[in-house]
Amino acid sequence: MAMWCRVDAGPVNNSCPLPPNMESNYDFDWKSKPHEWSNTDAKTTSLQLALSWTPTYCASLSEEVRDNEFQCRLSNNFSLIVHGLWPQTLGAFSPRDQPRNCRNTEQLSTSLIKRFFCMMPSEYLQQSEWEKHVFTGTCLFTTAIDYFTTIEDLYKSLNIPDIQSIKNPTATTIKNS
Protein backbone atom coordinates (compact mmCIF):
# COMPACT_ATOMS: atom_id res chain seq x y z
CA MET A 1 0.00 0.00 0.00
CA ALA A 2 1.31 3.43 -0.88
CA MET A 3 -0.03 6.66 0.52
CA TRP A 4 1.03 10.03 -0.80
CA CYS A 5 0.43 13.46 0.53
CA ARG A 6 1.71 16.63 -1.09
CA VAL A 7 0.78 20.08 0.02
CA ASP A 8 2.05 23.49 -0.96
CA ALA A 9 1.57 25.32 2.28
CA GLY A 10 2.03 28.82 3.54
CA PRO A 11 3.08 29.78 7.03
CA VAL A 12 1.17 28.67 10.11
CA ASN A 13 0.55 31.28 12.75
CA ASN A 14 3.21 30.35 15.27
CA SER A 15 2.55 33.32 17.49
CA CYS A 16 -0.23 32.23 19.76
CA PRO A 17 -0.30 32.54 23.53
CA LEU A 18 1.33 29.79 25.53
CA PRO A 19 0.29 28.92 29.07
CA PRO A 20 2.53 30.61 31.64
CA ASN A 21 3.29 27.13 32.99
CA MET A 22 3.14 24.14 30.69
CA GLU A 23 1.67 20.94 32.11
CA SER A 24 4.32 18.52 33.34
CA ASN A 25 2.29 15.30 33.33
CA TYR A 26 0.26 14.79 30.17
CA ASP A 27 1.06 11.19 29.32
CA PHE A 28 -1.79 9.15 27.85
CA ASP A 29 -2.52 5.60 29.00
CA TRP A 30 -5.38 4.15 26.98
CA LYS A 31 -5.53 1.04 29.15
CA SER A 32 -6.69 3.16 32.09
CA LYS A 33 -9.62 4.61 30.09
CA PRO A 34 -12.76 2.44 30.03
CA HIS A 35 -13.98 3.99 26.76
CA GLU A 36 -10.72 3.29 24.89
CA TRP A 37 -9.74 0.19 22.94
CA SER A 38 -6.91 -1.07 20.80
CA ASN A 39 -7.10 -2.26 17.22
CA THR A 40 -3.70 -3.18 15.83
CA ASP A 41 -5.03 -5.41 13.05
CA ALA A 42 -6.82 -2.78 10.95
CA LYS A 43 -4.97 -1.61 7.85
CA THR A 44 -4.64 2.11 7.17
CA THR A 45 -5.96 2.99 3.72
CA SER A 46 -6.26 6.76 4.15
CA LEU A 47 -5.78 9.56 6.64
CA GLN A 48 -8.32 12.02 8.01
CA LEU A 49 -7.29 15.44 9.29
CA ALA A 50 -9.73 16.05 12.14
CA LEU A 51 -10.41 19.70 13.01
CA SER A 52 -12.23 21.23 15.95
CA TRP A 53 -14.03 24.58 16.19
CA THR A 54 -12.97 26.08 19.53
CA PRO A 55 -16.21 27.99 20.34
CA THR A 56 -18.31 24.84 19.91
CA TYR A 57 -15.84 22.68 21.83
CA CYS A 58 -15.72 25.15 24.72
CA ALA A 59 -19.51 25.54 24.78
CA SER A 60 -19.80 21.76 25.22
CA LEU A 61 -17.83 21.85 28.48
CA SER A 62 -19.15 22.57 31.94
CA GLU A 63 -18.33 26.06 33.20
CA GLU A 64 -15.84 24.67 35.72
CA VAL A 65 -13.94 22.69 33.08
CA ARG A 66 -14.16 25.50 30.51
CA ASP A 67 -12.66 28.00 32.97
CA ASN A 68 -9.62 25.73 33.34
CA GLU A 69 -9.13 25.06 29.61
CA PHE A 70 -6.41 27.31 28.20
CA GLN A 71 -7.89 26.95 24.71
CA CYS A 72 -11.24 28.33 25.94
CA ARG A 73 -9.99 31.61 27.37
CA LEU A 74 -11.45 34.33 25.16
CA SER A 75 -8.25 36.35 25.17
CA ASN A 76 -6.40 33.48 23.47
CA ASN A 77 -8.44 33.69 20.24
CA PHE A 78 -8.25 30.04 19.20
CA SER A 79 -10.69 29.22 16.42
CA LEU A 80 -10.25 26.23 14.10
CA ILE A 81 -7.65 23.90 15.57
CA VAL A 82 -6.36 20.43 14.74
CA HIS A 83 -7.80 17.59 16.75
CA GLY A 84 -5.56 14.99 15.12
CA LEU A 85 -4.56 13.00 12.05
CA TRP A 86 -6.46 9.75 12.09
CA PRO A 87 -5.79 6.53 10.18
CA GLN A 88 -8.85 5.25 8.35
CA THR A 89 -9.70 1.78 7.08
CA LEU A 90 -11.73 1.49 3.90
CA GLY A 91 -14.95 -0.38 4.61
CA ALA A 92 -14.81 0.06 8.39
CA PHE A 93 -18.28 -0.20 9.89
CA SER A 94 -17.61 1.41 13.26
CA PRO A 95 -14.91 3.41 15.06
CA ARG A 96 -13.72 0.16 16.63
CA ASP A 97 -12.80 -1.08 13.14
CA GLN A 98 -10.24 1.75 12.76
CA PRO A 99 -6.57 1.50 13.79
CA ARG A 100 -6.18 2.81 17.32
CA ASN A 101 -3.89 2.73 20.35
CA CYS A 102 -1.14 0.83 18.62
CA ARG A 103 1.55 1.39 21.19
CA ASN A 104 2.37 3.29 24.32
CA THR A 105 5.07 5.92 23.87
CA GLU A 106 7.10 8.17 26.08
CA GLN A 107 5.70 11.57 26.98
CA LEU A 108 6.44 14.12 24.25
CA SER A 109 9.05 16.77 25.00
CA THR A 110 7.87 20.19 26.12
CA SER A 111 9.79 21.79 23.24
CA LEU A 112 7.84 19.69 20.72
CA ILE A 113 4.55 20.52 22.46
CA LYS A 114 5.35 24.25 22.31
CA ARG A 115 6.30 24.08 18.64
CA PHE A 116 2.86 22.78 17.62
CA PHE A 117 0.75 24.47 20.32
CA CYS A 118 -0.80 27.05 17.98
CA MET A 119 -2.52 24.36 15.92
CA MET A 120 -3.12 21.90 18.80
CA PRO A 121 -3.44 24.00 21.99
CA SER A 122 -3.18 21.31 24.64
CA GLU A 123 -0.34 19.18 25.90
CA TYR A 124 -2.71 16.29 26.57
CA LEU A 125 -4.36 16.59 23.14
CA GLN A 126 -1.01 16.34 21.38
CA GLN A 127 0.13 13.41 23.52
CA SER A 128 -3.11 11.45 23.28
CA GLU A 129 -3.49 11.94 19.53
CA TRP A 130 0.11 10.85 18.95
CA GLU A 131 -0.40 7.71 21.03
CA LYS A 132 -3.88 6.85 19.75
CA HIS A 133 -3.08 7.32 16.10
CA VAL A 134 0.52 6.17 15.60
CA PHE A 135 -0.35 4.00 12.68
CA THR A 136 -0.24 0.27 13.13
CA GLY A 137 1.25 -1.82 10.41
CA THR A 138 2.10 1.05 8.09
CA CYS A 139 5.19 2.54 9.70
CA LEU A 140 3.89 5.74 8.18
CA PHE A 141 5.18 7.86 11.04
CA THR A 142 8.09 6.52 13.01
CA THR A 143 8.67 9.68 15.04
CA ALA A 144 6.48 12.29 16.66
CA ILE A 145 8.17 15.05 14.65
CA ASP A 146 7.19 13.26 11.40
CA TYR A 147 3.58 13.00 12.59
CA PHE A 148 3.28 16.61 13.73
CA THR A 149 5.09 18.18 10.77
CA THR A 150 2.77 16.25 8.43
CA ILE A 151 -0.20 17.64 10.36
CA GLU A 152 1.35 21.10 10.20
CA ASP A 153 1.80 20.87 6.42
CA LEU A 154 -1.82 19.79 5.96
CA TYR A 155 -3.08 22.49 8.32
CA LYS A 156 -1.05 25.17 6.54
CA SER A 157 -2.63 24.17 3.24
CA LEU A 158 -6.11 25.07 4.51
CA ASN A 159 -7.64 28.47 3.86
CA ILE A 160 -8.66 29.34 7.42
CA PRO A 161 -10.16 32.83 7.73
CA ASP A 162 -9.07 35.16 10.52
CA ILE A 163 -12.28 34.90 12.53
CA GLN A 164 -11.33 37.79 14.82
CA SER A 165 -11.26 40.16 11.83
CA ILE A 166 -14.84 39.33 10.84
CA LYS A 167 -17.44 41.43 12.66
CA ASN A 168 -20.28 39.32 14.07
CA PRO A 169 -19.28 36.13 12.25
CA THR A 170 -22.02 33.76 11.16
CA ALA A 171 -21.63 30.31 9.68
CA THR A 172 -22.29 31.81 6.24
CA THR A 173 -19.70 34.59 6.53
CA ILE A 174 -17.10 32.14 7.78
CA LYS A 175 -17.92 29.65 5.01
CA ASN A 176 -17.64 32.39 2.38
CA SER A 177 -14.32 33.73 3.71
C-alpha atoms as a PDB file:
ATOM      1  CA  MET A   1       0.000   0.000   0.000  1.00  0.00           C
ATOM      2  CA  ALA A   2       1.311   3.434  -0.879  1.00  0.00           C
ATOM      3  CA  MET A   3      -0.031   6.665   0.518  1.00  0.00           C
ATOM      4  CA  TRP A   4       1.029  10.031  -0.796  1.00  0.00           C
ATOM      5  CA  CYS A   5       0.434  13.462   0.531  1.00  0.00           C
ATOM      6  CA  ARG A   6       1.714  16.630  -1.089  1.00  0.00           C
ATOM      7  CA  VAL A   7       0.783  20.084   0.017  1.00  0.00           C
ATOM      8  CA  ASP A   8       2.054  23.494  -0.957  1.00  0.00           C
ATOM      9  CA  ALA A   9       1.574  25.315   2.277  1.00  0.00           C
ATOM     10  CA  GLY A  10       2.027  28.816   3.539  1.00  0.00           C
ATOM     11  CA  PRO A  11       3.079  29.781   7.031  1.00  0.00           C
ATOM     12  CA  VAL A  12       1.174  28.665  10.107  1.00  0.00           C
ATOM     13  CA  ASN A  13       0.553  31.280  12.753  1.00  0.00           C
ATOM     14  CA  ASN A  14       3.211  30.352  15.268  1.00  0.00           C
ATOM     15  CA  SER A  15       2.552  33.325  17.494  1.00  0.00           C
ATOM     16  CA  CYS A  16      -0.235  32.230  19.763  1.00  0.00           C
ATOM     17  CA  PRO A  17      -0.297  32.544  23.525  1.00  0.00           C
ATOM     18  CA  LEU A  18       1.328  29.789  25.530  1.00  0.00           C
ATOM     19  CA  PRO A  19       0.289  28.920  29.065  1.00  0.00           C
ATOM     20  CA  PRO A  20       2.527  30.606  31.640  1.00  0.00           C
ATOM     21  CA  ASN A  21       3.290  27.127  32.994  1.00  0.00           C
ATOM     22  CA  MET A  22       3.142  24.142  30.688  1.00  0.00           C
ATOM     23  CA  GLU A  23       1.668  20.941  32.113  1.00  0.00           C
ATOM     24  CA  SER A  24       4.316  18.522  33.339  1.00  0.00           C
ATOM     25  CA  ASN A  25       2.286  15.300  33.332  1.00  0.00           C
ATOM     26  CA  TYR A  26       0.261  14.793  30.174  1.00  0.00           C
ATOM     27  CA  ASP A  27       1.064  11.193  29.324  1.00  0.00           C
ATOM     28  CA  PHE A  28      -1.786   9.146  27.854  1.00  0.00           C
ATOM     29  CA  ASP A  29      -2.525   5.600  28.997  1.00  0.00           C
ATOM     30  CA  TRP A  30      -5.385   4.153  26.980  1.00  0.00           C
ATOM     31  CA  LYS A  31      -5.533   1.035  29.149  1.00  0.00           C
ATOM     32  CA  SER A  32      -6.691   3.159  32.089  1.00  0.00           C
ATOM     33  CA  LYS A  33      -9.617   4.610  30.093  1.00  0.00           C
ATOM     34  CA  PRO A  34     -12.759   2.437  30.033  1.00  0.00           C
ATOM     35  CA  HIS A  35     -13.982   3.995  26.762  1.00  0.00           C
ATOM     36  CA  GLU A  36     -10.717   3.287  24.892  1.00  0.00           C
ATOM     37  CA  TRP A  37      -9.743   0.192  22.936  1.00  0.00           C
ATOM     38  CA  SER A  38      -6.908  -1.075  20.803  1.00  0.00           C
ATOM     39  CA  ASN A  39      -7.098  -2.259  17.221  1.00  0.00           C
ATOM     40  CA  THR A  40      -3.702  -3.176  15.834  1.00  0.00           C
ATOM     41  CA  ASP A  41      -5.026  -5.412  13.047  1.00  0.00           C
ATOM     42  CA  ALA A  42      -6.823  -2.776  10.948  1.00  0.00           C
ATOM     43  CA  LYS A  43      -4.966  -1.609   7.846  1.00  0.00           C
ATOM     44  CA  THR A  44      -4.637   2.108   7.169  1.00  0.00           C
ATOM     45  CA  THR A  45      -5.965   2.994   3.715  1.00  0.00           C
ATOM     46  CA  SER A  46      -6.263   6.757   4.152  1.00  0.00           C
ATOM     47  CA  LEU A  47      -5.780   9.563   6.644  1.00  0.00           C
ATOM     48  CA  GLN A  48      -8.315  12.024   8.011  1.00  0.00           C
ATOM     49  CA  LEU A  49      -7.287  15.442   9.290  1.00  0.00           C
ATOM     50  CA  ALA A  50      -9.730  16.054  12.144  1.00  0.00           C
ATOM     51  CA  LEU A  51     -10.407  19.697  13.011  1.00  0.00           C
ATOM     52  CA  SER A  52     -12.228  21.231  15.946  1.00  0.00           C
ATOM     53  CA  TRP A  53     -14.030  24.581  16.187  1.00  0.00           C
ATOM     54  CA  THR A  54     -12.973  26.084  19.531  1.00  0.00           C
ATOM     55  CA  PRO A  55     -16.206  27.994  20.340  1.00  0.00           C
ATOM     56  CA  THR A  56     -18.305  24.838  19.909  1.00  0.00           C
ATOM     57  CA  TYR A  57     -15.836  22.677  21.830  1.00  0.00           C
ATOM     58  CA  CYS A  58     -15.719  25.149  24.717  1.00  0.00           C
ATOM     59  CA  ALA A  59     -19.508  25.539  24.784  1.00  0.00           C
ATOM     60  CA  SER A  60     -19.803  21.758  25.219  1.00  0.00           C
ATOM     61  CA  LEU A  61     -17.835  21.855  28.481  1.00  0.00           C
ATOM     62  CA  SER A  62     -19.152  22.568  31.945  1.00  0.00           C
ATOM     63  CA  GLU A  63     -18.331  26.057  33.200  1.00  0.00           C
ATOM     64  CA  GLU A  64     -15.842  24.675  35.722  1.00  0.00           C
ATOM     65  CA  VAL A  65     -13.945  22.688  33.083  1.00  0.00           C
ATOM     66  CA  ARG A  66     -14.164  25.504  30.511  1.00  0.00           C
ATOM     67  CA  ASP A  67     -12.658  28.000  32.973  1.00  0.00           C
ATOM     68  CA  ASN A  68      -9.616  25.732  33.337  1.00  0.00           C
ATOM     69  CA  GLU A  69      -9.129  25.061  29.612  1.00  0.00           C
ATOM     70  CA  PHE A  70      -6.412  27.306  28.201  1.00  0.00           C
ATOM     71  CA  GLN A  71      -7.889  26.952  24.714  1.00  0.00           C
ATOM     72  CA  CYS A  72     -11.241  28.325  25.942  1.00  0.00           C
ATOM     73  CA  ARG A  73      -9.991  31.607  27.370  1.00  0.00           C
ATOM     74  CA  LEU A  74     -11.455  34.333  25.162  1.00  0.00           C
ATOM     75  CA  SER A  75      -8.250  36.354  25.167  1.00  0.00           C
ATOM     76  CA  ASN A  76      -6.396  33.480  23.470  1.00  0.00           C
ATOM     77  CA  ASN A  77      -8.444  33.687  20.237  1.00  0.00           C
ATOM     78  CA  PHE A  78      -8.245  30.042  19.197  1.00  0.00           C
ATOM     79  CA  SER A  79     -10.692  29.222  16.416  1.00  0.00           C
ATOM     80  CA  LEU A  80     -10.251  26.225  14.100  1.00  0.00           C
ATOM     81  CA  ILE A  81      -7.647  23.899  15.569  1.00  0.00           C
ATOM     82  CA  VAL A  82      -6.364  20.428  14.736  1.00  0.00           C
ATOM     83  CA  HIS A  83      -7.797  17.587  16.748  1.00  0.00           C
ATOM     84  CA  GLY A  84      -5.561  14.989  15.116  1.00  0.00           C
ATOM     85  CA  LEU A  85      -4.563  13.003  12.046  1.00  0.00           C
ATOM     86  CA  TRP A  86      -6.456   9.746  12.091  1.00  0.00           C
ATOM     87  CA  PRO A  87      -5.790   6.528  10.181  1.00  0.00           C
ATOM     88  CA  GLN A  88      -8.853   5.251   8.354  1.00  0.00           C
ATOM     89  CA  THR A  89      -9.701   1.781   7.079  1.00  0.00           C
ATOM     90  CA  LEU A  90     -11.728   1.491   3.898  1.00  0.00           C
ATOM     91  CA  GLY A  91     -14.946  -0.383   4.611  1.00  0.00           C
ATOM     92  CA  ALA A  92     -14.812   0.064   8.388  1.00  0.00           C
ATOM     93  CA  PHE A  93     -18.276  -0.204   9.892  1.00  0.00           C
ATOM     94  CA  SER A  94     -17.606   1.410  13.260  1.00  0.00           C
ATOM     95  CA  PRO A  95     -14.912   3.409  15.064  1.00  0.00           C
ATOM     96  CA  ARG A  96     -13.716   0.155  16.628  1.00  0.00           C
ATOM     97  CA  ASP A  97     -12.795  -1.078  13.139  1.00  0.00           C
ATOM     98  CA  GLN A  98     -10.241   1.748  12.756  1.00  0.00           C
ATOM     99  CA  PRO A  99      -6.566   1.498  13.787  1.00  0.00           C
ATOM    100  CA  ARG A 100      -6.185   2.814  17.324  1.00  0.00           C
ATOM    101  CA  ASN A 101      -3.891   2.735  20.354  1.00  0.00           C
ATOM    102  CA  CYS A 102      -1.144   0.834  18.620  1.00  0.00           C
ATOM    103  CA  ARG A 103       1.550   1.388  21.189  1.00  0.00           C
ATOM    104  CA  ASN A 104       2.370   3.292  24.319  1.00  0.00           C
ATOM    105  CA  THR A 105       5.068   5.917  23.868  1.00  0.00           C
ATOM    106  CA  GLU A 106       7.105   8.174  26.081  1.00  0.00           C
ATOM    107  CA  GLN A 107       5.699  11.565  26.982  1.00  0.00           C
ATOM    108  CA  LEU A 108       6.444  14.122  24.245  1.00  0.00           C
ATOM    109  CA  SER A 109       9.047  16.765  25.004  1.00  0.00           C
ATOM    110  CA  THR A 110       7.873  20.193  26.120  1.00  0.00           C
ATOM    111  CA  SER A 111       9.792  21.789  23.237  1.00  0.00           C
ATOM    112  CA  LEU A 112       7.839  19.686  20.717  1.00  0.00           C
ATOM    113  CA  ILE A 113       4.552  20.517  22.455  1.00  0.00           C
ATOM    114  CA  LYS A 114       5.348  24.248  22.313  1.00  0.00           C
ATOM    115  CA  ARG A 115       6.301  24.079  18.637  1.00  0.00           C
ATOM    116  CA  PHE A 116       2.858  22.778  17.622  1.00  0.00           C
ATOM    117  CA  PHE A 117       0.754  24.466  20.321  1.00  0.00           C
ATOM    118  CA  CYS A 118      -0.805  27.052  17.975  1.00  0.00           C
ATOM    119  CA  MET A 119      -2.523  24.359  15.921  1.00  0.00           C
ATOM    120  CA  MET A 120      -3.123  21.895  18.802  1.00  0.00           C
ATOM    121  CA  PRO A 121      -3.444  23.998  21.987  1.00  0.00           C
ATOM    122  CA  SER A 122      -3.184  21.313  24.644  1.00  0.00           C
ATOM    123  CA  GLU A 123      -0.341  19.178  25.897  1.00  0.00           C
ATOM    124  CA  TYR A 124      -2.709  16.287  26.567  1.00  0.00           C
ATOM    125  CA  LEU A 125      -4.362  16.589  23.137  1.00  0.00           C
ATOM    126  CA  GLN A 126      -1.011  16.335  21.378  1.00  0.00           C
ATOM    127  CA  GLN A 127       0.132  13.412  23.523  1.00  0.00           C
ATOM    128  CA  SER A 128      -3.112  11.455  23.281  1.00  0.00           C
ATOM    129  CA  GLU A 129      -3.487  11.940  19.525  1.00  0.00           C
ATOM    130  CA  TRP A 130       0.106  10.848  18.947  1.00  0.00           C
ATOM    131  CA  GLU A 131      -0.397   7.706  21.029  1.00  0.00           C
ATOM    132  CA  LYS A 132      -3.881   6.852  19.753  1.00  0.00           C
ATOM    133  CA  HIS A 133      -3.079   7.315  16.096  1.00  0.00           C
ATOM    134  CA  VAL A 134       0.516   6.172  15.604  1.00  0.00           C
ATOM    135  CA  PHE A 135      -0.350   4.004  12.675  1.00  0.00           C
ATOM    136  CA  THR A 136      -0.239   0.270  13.131  1.00  0.00           C
ATOM    137  CA  GLY A 137       1.253  -1.825  10.408  1.00  0.00           C
ATOM    138  CA  THR A 138       2.099   1.050   8.086  1.00  0.00           C
ATOM    139  CA  CYS A 139       5.185   2.535   9.704  1.00  0.00           C
ATOM    140  CA  LEU A 140       3.894   5.739   8.185  1.00  0.00           C
ATOM    141  CA  PHE A 141       5.175   7.861  11.042  1.00  0.00           C
ATOM    142  CA  THR A 142       8.087   6.525  13.013  1.00  0.00           C
ATOM    143  CA  THR A 143       8.669   9.682  15.045  1.00  0.00           C
ATOM    144  CA  ALA A 144       6.480  12.294  16.656  1.00  0.00           C
ATOM    145  CA  ILE A 145       8.175  15.050  14.647  1.00  0.00           C
ATOM    146  CA  ASP A 146       7.188  13.261  11.399  1.00  0.00           C
ATOM    147  CA  TYR A 147       3.583  13.002  12.586  1.00  0.00           C
ATOM    148  CA  PHE A 148       3.276  16.614  13.733  1.00  0.00           C
ATOM    149  CA  THR A 149       5.086  18.176  10.766  1.00  0.00           C
ATOM    150  CA  THR A 150       2.767  16.255   8.428  1.00  0.00           C
ATOM    151  CA  ILE A 151      -0.201  17.636  10.358  1.00  0.00           C
ATOM    152  CA  GLU A 152       1.349  21.103  10.200  1.00  0.00           C
ATOM    153  CA  ASP A 153       1.801  20.873   6.418  1.00  0.00           C
ATOM    154  CA  LEU A 154      -1.820  19.790   5.957  1.00  0.00           C
ATOM    155  CA  TYR A 155      -3.079  22.491   8.322  1.00  0.00           C
ATOM    156  CA  LYS A 156      -1.046  25.171   6.542  1.00  0.00           C
ATOM    157  CA  SER A 157      -2.627  24.167   3.238  1.00  0.00           C
ATOM    158  CA  LEU A 158      -6.111  25.072   4.509  1.00  0.00           C
ATOM    159  CA  ASN A 159      -7.642  28.475   3.862  1.00  0.00           C
ATOM    160  CA  ILE A 160      -8.663  29.340   7.420  1.00  0.00           C
ATOM    161  CA  PRO A 161     -10.155  32.827   7.735  1.00  0.00           C
ATOM    162  CA  ASP A 162      -9.073  35.159  10.518  1.00  0.00           C
ATOM    163  CA  ILE A 163     -12.278  34.904  12.528  1.00  0.00           C
ATOM    164  CA  GLN A 164     -11.327  37.794  14.824  1.00  0.00           C
ATOM    165  CA  SER A 165     -11.259  40.160  11.830  1.00  0.00           C
ATOM    166  CA  ILE A 166     -14.844  39.327  10.842  1.00  0.00           C
ATOM    167  CA  LYS A 167     -17.438  41.431  12.658  1.00  0.00           C
ATOM    168  CA  ASN A 168     -20.275  39.322  14.073  1.00  0.00           C
ATOM    169  CA  PRO A 169     -19.279  36.135  12.248  1.00  0.00           C
ATOM    170  CA  THR A 170     -22.018  33.764  11.162  1.00  0.00           C
ATOM    171  CA  ALA A 171     -21.630  30.312   9.683  1.00  0.00           C
ATOM    172  CA  THR A 172     -22.294  31.809   6.239  1.00  0.00           C
ATOM    173  CA  THR A 173     -19.699  34.595   6.525  1.00  0.00           C
ATOM    174  CA  ILE A 174     -17.103  32.143   7.783  1.00  0.00           C
ATOM    175  CA  LYS A 175     -17.922  29.649   5.012  1.00  0.00           C
ATOM    176  CA  ASN A 176     -17.638  32.386   2.378  1.00  0.00           C
ATOM    177  CA  SER A 177     -14.323  33.729   3.711  1.00  0.00           C
END
